[in-house]
């Protein structure tokens, strides 16, 4: 039996998804806020997703979200 490995959506690196989310934010709202870079990556992505879902750009008060 021949077993051929095929790429899976589940095996793609997580950072590709993060870049896509950040690109979507910049497309909709412009540049990311400077303070966003000071946050851990997971929190950054979470906040960007939050902004995209609510349809409004991020503000500093969103950090307490």
PDB file of N, CA and C in Angstrom:
ATOM      1  N   UNK A   1       0.840  -1.171   0.000  1.00  0.00           N
ATOM      2  CA  UNK A   1       0.000   0.000   0.000  1.00  0.00           C
ATOM      3  C   UNK A   1       0.887   1.238   0.000  1.00  0.00           C
ATOM      4  N   UNK A   2       0.539   2.186  -0.846  1.00  0.00           N
ATOM      5  CA  UNK A   2       1.288   3.426  -0.950  1.00  0.00           C
ATOM      6  C   UNK A   2       0.623   4.496  -0.095  1.00  0.00           C
ATOM      7  N   UNK A   3       1.388   5.066   0.802  1.00  0.00           N
ATOM      8  CA  UNK A   3       0.859   6.104   1.688  1.00  0.00           C
ATOM      9  C   UNK A   3       1.468   7.438   1.263  1.00  0.00           C
ATOM     10  N   UNK A   4       0.646   8.311   0.718  1.00  0.00           N
ATOM     11  CA  UNK A   4       1.120   9.607   0.246  1.00  0.00           C
ATOM     12  C   UNK A   4       0.648  10.680   1.216  1.00  0.00           C
ATOM     13  N   UNK A   5       1.598  11.434   1.721  1.00  0.00           N
ATOM     14  CA  UNK A   5       1.251  12.519   2.647  1.00  0.00           C
ATOM     15  C   UNK A   5       0.702  13.698   1.863  1.00  0.00           C
ATOM     16  N   UNK A   6      -0.424  14.192   2.301  1.00  0.00           N
ATOM     17  CA  UNK A   6      -1.006  15.363   1.661  1.00  0.00           C
ATOM     18  C   UNK A   6      -1.121  16.470   2.691  1.00  0.00           C
ATOM     19  N   UNK A   7      -0.876  17.698   2.261  1.00  0.00           N
ATOM     20  CA  UNK A   7      -0.993  18.801   3.216  1.00  0.00           C
ATOM     21  C   UNK A   7      -2.424  18.964   3.702  1.00  0.00           C
ATOM     22  N   UNK A   8      -2.548  19.320   4.918  1.00  0.00           N
ATOM     23  CA  UNK A   8      -3.856  19.490   5.534  1.00  0.00           C
ATOM     24  C   UNK A   8      -3.993  20.908   6.028  1.00  0.00           C
ATOM     25  N   UNK A   9      -5.207  21.405   6.016  1.00  0.00           N
ATOM     26  CA  UNK A   9      -5.455  22.734   6.566  1.00  0.00           C
ATOM     27  C   UNK A   9      -5.076  22.752   8.035  1.00  0.00           C
ATOM     28  N   UNK A  10      -5.259  21.644   8.723  1.00  0.00           N
ATOM     29  CA  UNK A  10      -4.948  21.587  10.146  1.00  0.00           C
ATOM     30  C   UNK A  10      -3.453  21.627  10.425  1.00  0.00           C
ATOM     31  N   UNK A  11      -2.634  21.306   9.431  1.00  0.00           N
ATOM     32  CA  UNK A  11      -1.197  21.274   9.662  1.00  0.00           C
ATOM     33  C   UNK A  11      -0.508  22.588   9.315  1.00  0.00           C
ATOM     34  N   UNK A  12      -1.243  23.580   8.841  1.00  0.00           N
ATOM     35  CA  UNK A  12      -0.600  24.838   8.479  1.00  0.00           C
ATOM     36  C   UNK A  12      -0.192  25.594   9.740  1.00  0.00           C
ATOM     37  N   UNK A  13       0.873  26.345   9.657  1.00  0.00           N
ATOM     38  CA  UNK A  13       1.346  27.079  10.836  1.00  0.00           C
ATOM     39  C   UNK A  13       0.340  28.116  11.312  1.00  0.00           C
ATOM     40  N   UNK A  14       0.269  28.306  12.609  1.00  0.00           N
ATOM     41  CA  UNK A  14      -0.669  29.242  13.208  1.00  0.00           C
ATOM     42  C   UNK A  14      -0.331  30.672  12.810  1.00  0.00           C
ATOM     43  N   UNK A  15       0.964  30.970  12.607  1.00  0.00           N
ATOM     44  CA  UNK A  15       1.334  32.342  12.293  1.00  0.00           C
ATOM     45  C   UNK A  15       0.744  32.819  10.979  1.00  0.00           C
ATOM     46  N   UNK A  16       0.434  31.930  10.065  1.00  0.00           N
ATOM     47  CA  UNK A  16      -0.204  32.331   8.797  1.00  0.00           C
ATOM     48  C   UNK A  16      -1.588  32.886   9.096  1.00  0.00           C
ATOM     49  N   UNK A  17      -2.324  32.245   9.979  1.00  0.00           N
ATOM     50  CA  UNK A  17      -3.645  32.733  10.361  1.00  0.00           C
ATOM     51  C   UNK A  17      -3.535  34.100  11.035  1.00  0.00           C
ATOM     52  N   UNK A  18      -2.544  34.263  11.888  1.00  0.00           N
ATOM     53  CA  UNK A  18      -2.352  35.537  12.587  1.00  0.00           C
ATOM     54  C   UNK A  18      -2.072  36.657  11.592  1.00  0.00           C
ATOM     55  N   UNK A  19      -1.222  36.404  10.621  1.00  0.00           N
ATOM     56  CA  UNK A  19      -0.910  37.418   9.616  1.00  0.00           C
ATOM     57  C   UNK A  19      -2.159  37.774   8.827  1.00  0.00           C
ATOM     58  N   UNK A  20      -2.956  36.808   8.488  1.00  0.00           N
ATOM     59  CA  UNK A  20      -4.185  37.053   7.744  1.00  0.00           C
ATOM     60  C   UNK A  20      -5.133  37.936   8.549  1.00  0.00           C
ATOM     61  N   UNK A  21      -5.274  37.680   9.834  1.00  0.00           N
ATOM     62  CA  UNK A  21      -6.155  38.476  10.698  1.00  0.00           C
ATOM     63  C   UNK A  21      -5.646  39.913  10.776  1.00  0.00           C
ATOM     64  N   UNK A  22      -4.335  40.078  10.945  1.00  0.00           N
ATOM     65  CA  UNK A  22      -3.764  41.420  11.011  1.00  0.00           C
ATOM     66  C   UNK A  22      -3.942  42.156   9.689  1.00  0.00           C
ATOM     67  N   UNK A  23      -3.787  41.452   8.582  1.00  0.00           N
ATOM     68  CA  UNK A  23      -4.004  42.063   7.260  1.00  0.00           C
ATOM     69  C   UNK A  23      -5.457  42.494   7.083  1.00  0.00           C
ATOM     70  N   UNK A  24      -6.384  41.671   7.551  1.00  0.00           N
ATOM     71  CA  UNK A  24      -7.804  42.023   7.462  1.00  0.00           C
ATOM     72  C   UNK A  24      -8.098  43.291   8.242  1.00  0.00           C
ATOM     73  N   UNK A  25      -7.507  43.393   9.438  1.00  0.00           N
ATOM     74  CA  UNK A  25      -7.710  44.585  10.262  1.00  0.00           C
ATOM     75  C   UNK A  25      -7.204  45.821   9.520  1.00  0.00           C
ATOM     76  N   UNK A  26      -5.987  45.745   8.985  1.00  0.00           N
ATOM     77  CA  UNK A  26      -5.413  46.890   8.280  1.00  0.00           C
ATOM     78  C   UNK A  26      -6.217  47.248   7.040  1.00  0.00           C
ATOM     79  N   UNK A  27      -6.773  46.265   6.389  1.00  0.00           N
ATOM     80  CA  UNK A  27      -7.615  46.523   5.214  1.00  0.00           C
ATOM     81  C   UNK A  27      -8.876  47.290   5.611  1.00  0.00           C
ATOM     82  N   UNK A  28      -9.491  46.903   6.716  1.00  0.00           N
ATOM     83  CA  UNK A  28     -10.751  47.522   7.139  1.00  0.00           C
ATOM     84  C   UNK A  28     -10.568  48.846   7.870  1.00  0.00           C
ATOM     85  N   UNK A  29      -9.547  48.930   8.716  1.00  0.00           N
ATOM     86  CA  UNK A  29      -9.440  50.080   9.621  1.00  0.00           C
ATOM     87  C   UNK A  29      -8.159  50.891   9.470  1.00  0.00           C
ATOM     88  N   UNK A  30      -7.234  50.454   8.660  1.00  0.00           N
ATOM     89  CA  UNK A  30      -5.959  51.155   8.540  1.00  0.00           C
ATOM     90  C   UNK A  30      -4.914  50.520   9.442  1.00  0.00           C
ATOM     91  N   UNK A  31      -3.898  51.290   9.769  1.00  0.00           N
ATOM     92  CA  UNK A  31      -2.769  50.778  10.547  1.00  0.00           C
ATOM     93  C   UNK A  31      -3.192  50.296  11.937  1.00  0.00           C
ATOM     94  N   UNK A  32      -2.505  49.278  12.392  1.00  0.00           N
ATOM     95  CA  UNK A  32      -2.730  48.774  13.752  1.00  0.00           C
ATOM     96  C   UNK A  32      -2.237  49.816  14.757  1.00  0.00           C
ATOM     97  N   UNK A  33      -2.884  49.909  15.908  1.00  0.00           N
ATOM     98  CA  UNK A  33      -2.415  50.845  16.938  1.00  0.00           C
ATOM     99  C   UNK A  33      -1.003  50.474  17.406  1.00  0.00           C
ATOM    100  N   UNK A  34      -0.179  51.477  17.666  1.00  0.00           N
ATOM    101  CA  UNK A  34       1.204  51.232  18.107  1.00  0.00           C
ATOM    102  C   UNK A  34       1.273  50.429  19.402  1.00  0.00           C
ATOM    103  N   UNK A  35       0.352  50.672  20.323  1.00  0.00           N
ATOM    104  CA  UNK A  35       0.387  49.997  21.625  1.00  0.00           C
ATOM    105  C   UNK A  35       0.123  48.505  21.507  1.00  0.00           C
ATOM    106  N   UNK A  36      -0.424  48.076  20.384  1.00  0.00           N
ATOM    107  CA  UNK A  36      -0.738  46.655  20.200  1.00  0.00           C
ATOM    108  C   UNK A  36       0.534  45.798  20.211  1.00  0.00           C
ATOM    109  N   UNK A  37       1.644  46.358  19.746  1.00  0.00           N
ATOM    110  CA  UNK A  37       2.908  45.617  19.689  1.00  0.00           C
ATOM    111  C   UNK A  37       3.439  45.266  21.077  1.00  0.00           C
ATOM    112  N   UNK A  38       3.013  45.995  22.099  1.00  0.00           N
ATOM    113  CA  UNK A  38       3.491  45.748  23.457  1.00  0.00           C
ATOM    114  C   UNK A  38       2.806  44.559  24.124  1.00  0.00           C
ATOM    115  N   UNK A  39       1.757  44.047  23.510  1.00  0.00           N
ATOM    116  CA  UNK A  39       0.982  42.949  24.093  1.00  0.00           C
ATOM    117  C   UNK A  39       1.493  41.594  23.607  1.00  0.00           C
ATOM    118  N   UNK A  40       1.268  40.539  24.379  1.00  0.00           N
ATOM    119  CA  UNK A  40       1.621  39.188  23.921  1.00  0.00           C
ATOM    120  C   UNK A  40       0.843  38.838  22.644  1.00  0.00           C
ATOM    121  N   UNK A  41       1.435  38.011  21.815  1.00  0.00           N
ATOM    122  CA  UNK A  41       0.862  37.670  20.507  1.00  0.00           C
ATOM    123  C   UNK A  41      -0.579  37.165  20.600  1.00  0.00           C
ATOM    124  N   UNK A  42      -0.849  36.294  21.547  1.00  0.00           N
ATOM    125  CA  UNK A  42      -2.198  35.741  21.682  1.00  0.00           C
ATOM    126  C   UNK A  42      -3.230  36.813  21.987  1.00  0.00           C
ATOM    127  N   UNK A  43      -2.863  37.727  22.869  1.00  0.00           N
ATOM    128  CA  UNK A  43      -3.784  38.814  23.221  1.00  0.00           C
ATOM    129  C   UNK A  43      -3.976  39.755  22.039  1.00  0.00           C
ATOM    130  N   UNK A  44      -2.895  39.992  21.297  1.00  0.00           N
ATOM    131  CA  UNK A  44      -2.977  40.837  20.097  1.00  0.00           C
ATOM    132  C   UNK A  44      -3.984  40.275  19.098  1.00  0.00           C
ATOM    133  N   UNK A  45      -3.859  39.002  18.807  1.00  0.00           N
ATOM    134  CA  UNK A  45      -4.750  38.362  17.835  1.00  0.00           C
ATOM    135  C   UNK A  45      -6.183  38.365  18.356  1.00  0.00           C
ATOM    136  N   UNK A  46      -6.359  38.092  19.632  1.00  0.00           N
ATOM    137  CA  UNK A  46      -7.691  38.101  20.226  1.00  0.00           C
ATOM    138  C   UNK A  46      -8.350  39.475  20.101  1.00  0.00           C
ATOM    139  N   UNK A  47      -7.601  40.524  20.399  1.00  0.00           N
ATOM    140  CA  UNK A  47      -8.152  41.879  20.295  1.00  0.00           C
ATOM    141  C   UNK A  47      -8.478  42.256  18.852  1.00  0.00           C
ATOM    142  N   UNK A  48      -7.623  41.861  17.932  1.00  0.00           N
ATOM    143  CA  UNK A  48      -7.884  42.158  16.519  1.00  0.00           C
ATOM    144  C   UNK A  48      -9.136  41.423  16.050  1.00  0.00           C
ATOM    145  N   UNK A  49      -9.293  40.175  16.448  1.00  0.00           N
ATOM    146  CA  UNK A  49     -10.516  39.438  16.105  1.00  0.00           C
ATOM    147  C   UNK A  49     -11.745  40.106  16.709  1.00  0.00           C
ATOM    148  N   UNK A  50     -11.613  40.564  17.947  1.00  0.00           N
ATOM    149  CA  UNK A  50     -12.702  41.268  18.623  1.00  0.00           C
ATOM    150  C   UNK A  50     -13.118  42.508  17.824  1.00  0.00           C
ATOM    151  N   UNK A  51     -12.132  43.290  17.386  1.00  0.00           N
ATOM    152  CA  UNK A  51     -12.424  44.494  16.608  1.00  0.00           C
ATOM    153  C   UNK A  51     -13.089  44.155  15.275  1.00  0.00           C
ATOM    154  N   UNK A  52     -12.592  43.131  14.611  1.00  0.00           N
ATOM    155  CA  UNK A  52     -13.183  42.737  13.326  1.00  0.00           C
ATOM    156  C   UNK A  52     -14.621  42.262  13.504  1.00  0.00           C
ATOM    157  N   UNK A  53     -14.877  41.502  14.564  1.00  0.00           N
ATOM    158  CA  UNK A  53     -16.226  40.988  14.802  1.00  0.00           C
ATOM    159  C   UNK A  53     -17.224  42.085  15.158  1.00  0.00           C
ATOM    160  N   UNK A  54     -16.795  43.093  15.895  1.00  0.00           N
ATOM    161  CA  UNK A  54     -17.725  44.160  16.252  1.00  0.00           C
ATOM    162  C   UNK A  54     -17.803  45.246  15.184  1.00  0.00           C
ATOM    163  N   UNK A  55     -16.842  45.255  14.241  1.00  0.00           N
ATOM    164  CA  UNK A  55     -16.885  46.209  13.139  1.00  0.00           C
ATOM    165  C   UNK A  55     -16.382  47.591  13.492  1.00  0.00           C
ATOM    166  N   UNK A  56     -15.527  47.700  14.488  1.00  0.00           N
ATOM    167  CA  UNK A  56     -14.970  48.990  14.898  1.00  0.00           C
ATOM    168  C   UNK A  56     -13.490  48.828  15.210  1.00  0.00           C
ATOM    169  N   UNK A  57     -12.679  49.839  14.926  1.00  0.00           N
ATOM    170  CA  UNK A  57     -11.246  49.741  15.208  1.00  0.00           C
ATOM    171  C   UNK A  57     -10.955  49.680  16.700  1.00  0.00           C
ATOM    172  N   UNK A  58      -9.768  49.213  17.015  1.00  0.00           N
ATOM    173  CA  UNK A  58      -9.348  49.095  18.409  1.00  0.00           C
ATOM    174  C   UNK A  58      -9.069  50.459  19.028  1.00  0.00           C
ATOM    175  N   UNK A  59      -9.358  50.553  20.316  1.00  0.00           N
ATOM    176  CA  UNK A  59      -8.972  51.705  21.126  1.00  0.00           C
ATOM    177  C   UNK A  59      -8.296  51.151  22.379  1.00  0.00           C
ATOM    178  N   UNK A  60      -7.513  51.979  23.054  1.00  0.00           N
ATOM    179  CA  UNK A  60      -6.755  51.512  24.212  1.00  0.00           C
ATOM    180  C   UNK A  60      -7.636  50.877  25.278  1.00  0.00           C
ATOM    181  N   UNK A  61      -8.869  51.334  25.408  1.00  0.00           N
ATOM    182  CA  UNK A  61      -9.782  50.783  26.414  1.00  0.00           C
ATOM    183  C   UNK A  61     -10.121  49.313  26.133  1.00  0.00           C
ATOM    184  N   UNK A  62      -9.904  48.833  24.922  1.00  0.00           N
ATOM    185  CA  UNK A  62     -10.195  47.434  24.580  1.00  0.00           C
ATOM    186  C   UNK A  62      -9.277  46.451  25.290  1.00  0.00           C
ATOM    187  N   UNK A  63      -8.165  46.922  25.829  1.00  0.00           N
ATOM    188  CA  UNK A  63      -7.232  46.026  26.523  1.00  0.00           C
ATOM    189  C   UNK A  63      -7.904  45.354  27.697  1.00  0.00           C
ATOM    190  N   UNK A  64      -8.839  46.036  28.352  1.00  0.00           N
ATOM    191  CA  UNK A  64      -9.544  45.447  29.499  1.00  0.00           C
ATOM    192  C   UNK A  64     -10.666  44.539  29.084  1.00  0.00           C
ATOM    193  N   UNK A  65     -10.919  44.404  27.784  1.00  0.00           N
ATOM    194  CA  UNK A  65     -11.984  43.546  27.257  1.00  0.00           C
ATOM    195  C   UNK A  65     -11.853  42.141  27.757  1.00  0.00           C
TER     196      UNK A  65
END
